[in-house]
Protein backbone atom coordinates (compact mmCIF):
# COMPACT_ATOMS: atom_id res chain seq x y z
CA MET A 1 106.21 93.17 67.62
CA GLU A 2 105.71 96.80 66.63
CA ASP A 3 104.02 99.49 68.66
CA HIS A 4 101.52 102.10 67.44
CA PHE A 5 104.32 104.28 66.05
CA GLY A 6 105.71 101.48 63.88
CA GLN A 7 108.82 101.20 66.04
CA GLN A 8 110.18 98.00 67.51
CA ASN A 9 108.47 97.36 70.84
CA LYS A 10 111.29 97.03 73.39
CA ARG A 11 110.34 95.56 76.72
CA ILE A 12 112.10 96.94 79.74
CA THR A 13 114.27 94.48 81.66
CA HIS A 14 112.51 95.03 84.96
CA GLU A 15 109.15 94.60 83.22
CA LEU A 16 110.31 91.19 82.00
CA LEU A 17 111.52 90.28 85.48
CA LEU A 18 108.21 91.32 87.02
CA ASP A 19 106.31 89.30 84.43
CA LEU A 20 108.54 86.33 85.20
CA LEU A 21 107.82 86.81 88.91
CA SER A 22 104.08 86.94 88.12
CA GLY A 23 104.33 83.77 86.06
CA THR A 24 106.23 82.06 88.85
CA ALA A 25 103.54 83.09 91.35
CA LEU A 26 100.87 81.68 89.02
CA LEU A 27 102.68 78.38 88.61
CA THR A 28 103.40 78.14 92.33
CA GLN A 29 99.70 78.59 93.13
CA TRP A 30 98.85 75.53 91.04
CA ILE A 31 101.72 73.55 92.55
CA ILE A 32 100.57 74.40 96.09
CA VAL A 33 96.99 73.31 95.37
CA PHE A 34 98.15 69.96 94.02
CA LEU A 35 100.79 69.40 96.72
CA TYR A 36 98.37 70.04 99.57
CA TRP A 37 95.28 68.52 97.93
CA ASN A 38 95.31 65.30 99.97
CA LYS A 39 96.20 67.11 103.21
CA VAL A 40 93.33 69.59 103.05
CA PRO A 41 89.93 68.72 104.54
CA ASP A 42 86.78 68.93 102.42
CA LYS A 43 85.81 72.24 104.08
CA VAL A 44 88.20 75.16 103.43
CA PRO A 45 87.93 78.86 104.32
CA MET A 46 86.90 81.10 101.41
CA HIS A 47 86.32 84.41 103.15
CA PHE A 48 87.79 86.12 106.18
CA ASN A 49 86.42 88.83 108.47
CA THR A 50 88.35 91.97 109.43
CA ALA A 51 90.02 90.11 112.31
CA GLY A 52 91.37 87.51 109.86
CA ALA A 53 89.11 84.73 111.10
CA PRO A 54 87.37 82.58 108.48
CA ASP A 55 83.67 83.44 108.16
CA GLY A 56 82.86 81.71 104.87
CA TYR A 57 83.67 78.17 103.79
CA GLY A 58 83.53 76.09 100.65
CA THR A 59 84.60 72.70 99.43
CA LYS A 60 88.26 71.99 98.77
CA TYR A 61 87.53 72.52 95.07
CA THR A 62 87.22 76.25 95.81
CA LEU A 63 91.01 76.25 96.22
CA PHE A 64 91.14 76.36 92.42
CA LEU A 65 89.42 79.78 92.43
CA LEU A 66 92.50 81.83 93.33
CA PRO A 67 94.75 80.30 90.65
CA VAL A 68 92.02 80.73 88.03
CA ILE A 69 91.32 84.32 89.11
CA SER A 70 95.07 84.96 89.09
CA ILE A 71 95.35 83.82 85.48
CA LEU A 72 92.43 86.05 84.47
CA LEU A 73 93.95 89.02 86.33
CA PHE A 74 97.34 88.48 84.74
CA LEU A 75 95.79 88.31 81.27
CA GLY A 76 93.71 91.38 82.08
CA PHE A 77 96.78 93.34 83.12
CA LYS A 78 98.49 92.29 79.88
CA ALA A 79 95.48 93.32 77.76
CA PHE A 80 95.10 96.62 79.62
CA ARG A 81 98.58 97.66 78.49
CA PHE A 82 97.43 97.76 74.89
CA ILE A 83 94.02 99.31 75.49
CA LYS A 84 95.45 102.18 77.52
CA PHE A 85 98.12 103.21 75.01
CA ASP A 86 95.95 105.63 73.02
CA ARG A 87 95.62 107.94 76.03
CA TYR A 88 99.32 108.73 75.90
CA HIS A 89 99.53 108.94 72.12
CA GLY A 90 96.48 111.18 71.83
CA ASN A 91 97.29 113.66 74.60
CA HIS A 92 101.05 114.08 74.32
CA PRO A 93 103.72 114.51 71.66
CA LYS A 94 105.41 111.35 70.45
CA GLU A 95 108.64 112.15 72.30
CA ILE A 96 107.01 111.95 75.74
CA SER A 97 104.16 109.53 74.98
CA LEU A 98 106.55 106.59 74.45
CA LYS A 99 108.21 107.26 77.80
CA LEU A 100 104.87 107.63 79.57
CA TYR A 101 103.61 104.43 78.03
CA ALA A 102 106.75 102.56 79.13
CA LEU A 103 106.21 103.88 82.65
CA PHE A 104 102.57 102.79 82.57
CA ARG A 105 103.53 99.28 81.45
CA SER A 106 106.08 99.11 84.23
CA TYR A 107 103.40 100.14 86.74
CA LEU A 108 101.05 97.44 85.46
CA SER A 109 103.76 94.78 85.69
CA LEU A 110 104.58 95.74 89.26
CA THR A 111 100.92 95.85 90.30
CA ALA A 112 100.28 92.46 88.69
CA ALA A 113 103.29 90.93 90.47
CA GLN A 114 102.20 92.39 93.82
CA THR A 115 98.65 91.10 93.38
CA LEU A 116 99.65 87.62 92.26
CA LEU A 117 102.13 87.28 95.11
CA PHE A 118 99.38 88.38 97.51
CA PHE A 119 97.04 85.74 96.05
CA LEU A 120 99.78 83.13 96.41
CA LEU A 121 100.22 84.02 100.07
CA LEU A 122 96.46 84.10 100.62
CA LEU A 123 96.08 80.65 99.05
CA TYR A 124 98.90 79.21 101.16
CA LEU A 125 97.52 80.72 104.38
CA SER A 126 94.01 79.48 103.55
CA ILE A 127 95.37 75.96 103.15
CA LYS A 128 97.25 76.26 106.44
CA ILE A 129 94.07 77.42 108.19
CA ALA A 130 92.04 74.60 106.62
CA ALA A 131 94.66 72.07 107.74
CA GLY A 132 94.54 73.44 111.30
CA ASP A 133 98.08 74.83 111.28
CA LEU A 134 96.82 78.42 111.69
CA ASN A 135 93.67 79.89 113.24
CA THR A 136 93.46 83.25 111.44
CA LEU A 137 95.06 85.29 108.69
CA PRO A 138 97.65 87.71 110.05
CA ASN A 139 96.11 91.19 109.78
CA SER A 140 99.41 92.51 108.50
CA VAL A 141 99.05 90.53 105.25
CA ILE A 142 96.13 92.60 103.97
CA VAL A 143 97.44 95.89 105.38
CA VAL A 144 100.85 95.39 103.77
CA TYR A 145 99.33 94.43 100.41
CA PHE A 146 97.02 97.45 100.19
CA GLY A 147 99.79 99.69 101.53
CA LEU A 148 102.14 98.50 98.78
CA ILE A 149 99.49 99.00 96.10
CA LEU A 150 98.77 102.53 97.33
CA LEU A 151 102.46 103.38 97.66
CA THR A 152 103.11 102.07 94.14
CA LEU A 153 100.28 104.20 92.75
CA ILE A 154 101.56 107.33 94.51
CA ILE A 155 105.18 106.82 93.43
CA TYR A 156 104.30 106.13 89.80
CA GLY A 157 101.93 109.11 89.78
CA ILE A 158 104.70 111.38 91.04
CA VAL A 159 107.20 109.97 88.52
CA GLU A 160 104.74 110.48 85.66
CA TRP A 161 103.98 114.04 86.75
CA ARG A 162 107.70 114.85 87.03
CA MET A 163 108.40 113.35 83.58
CA LYS A 164 105.68 115.51 82.03
CA LYS A 165 106.80 118.60 83.91
CA ALA A 166 110.44 118.15 82.83
CA PHE A 167 109.46 117.47 79.21
CA TYR A 168 107.20 120.49 78.87
CA LYS A 169 109.70 122.71 80.66
CA ALA A 170 112.37 121.64 78.15
CA ASN A 171 109.88 122.04 75.27
CA PRO A 172 107.85 125.16 76.11
CA ARG A 173 106.24 125.40 72.67
CA MET A 174 104.59 121.98 72.99
CA LYS A 175 100.97 121.69 74.04
CA LYS A 176 100.80 120.98 77.77
CA GLU A 177 98.61 118.08 78.86
CA PHE A 178 99.37 117.08 82.43
CA PHE A 179 96.37 114.88 83.22
């Protein structure tokens, strides 16, 4: 597959690994639903309050929501990679735009993997609560997830800013577009 510059589109190894991890999380969600289907009561928790206690319930068929939403999110993250590309091509010289775009794709792959793993854990814990094995969601689950997402955003933002700064410092005659 070729990118917008007509060059061969090379996927980064860690991007492939993260996509494989995301795919594994997707598949595992479906496996968990089918494995626990007969062990789960007809009423399952769908929503949790800030203390982690269930405060909204649905039928056991609502267990299919997280795997379906996960598939849609994964496809959305994949599609967003191609929609977002023009920002880098339009605002920066070709030499840096390819690197920025590769960084952006890496960020999307990591965020997708984090989100799908979170959904996998949420699904598993919901099933455990429905089966009576747990009473509440551990508060740390949500705090850790949002902390990781925020940390990822900050780190990638810093890396992108440093890449641009280094490029424009090395190429002072180029038009500077930092944001």
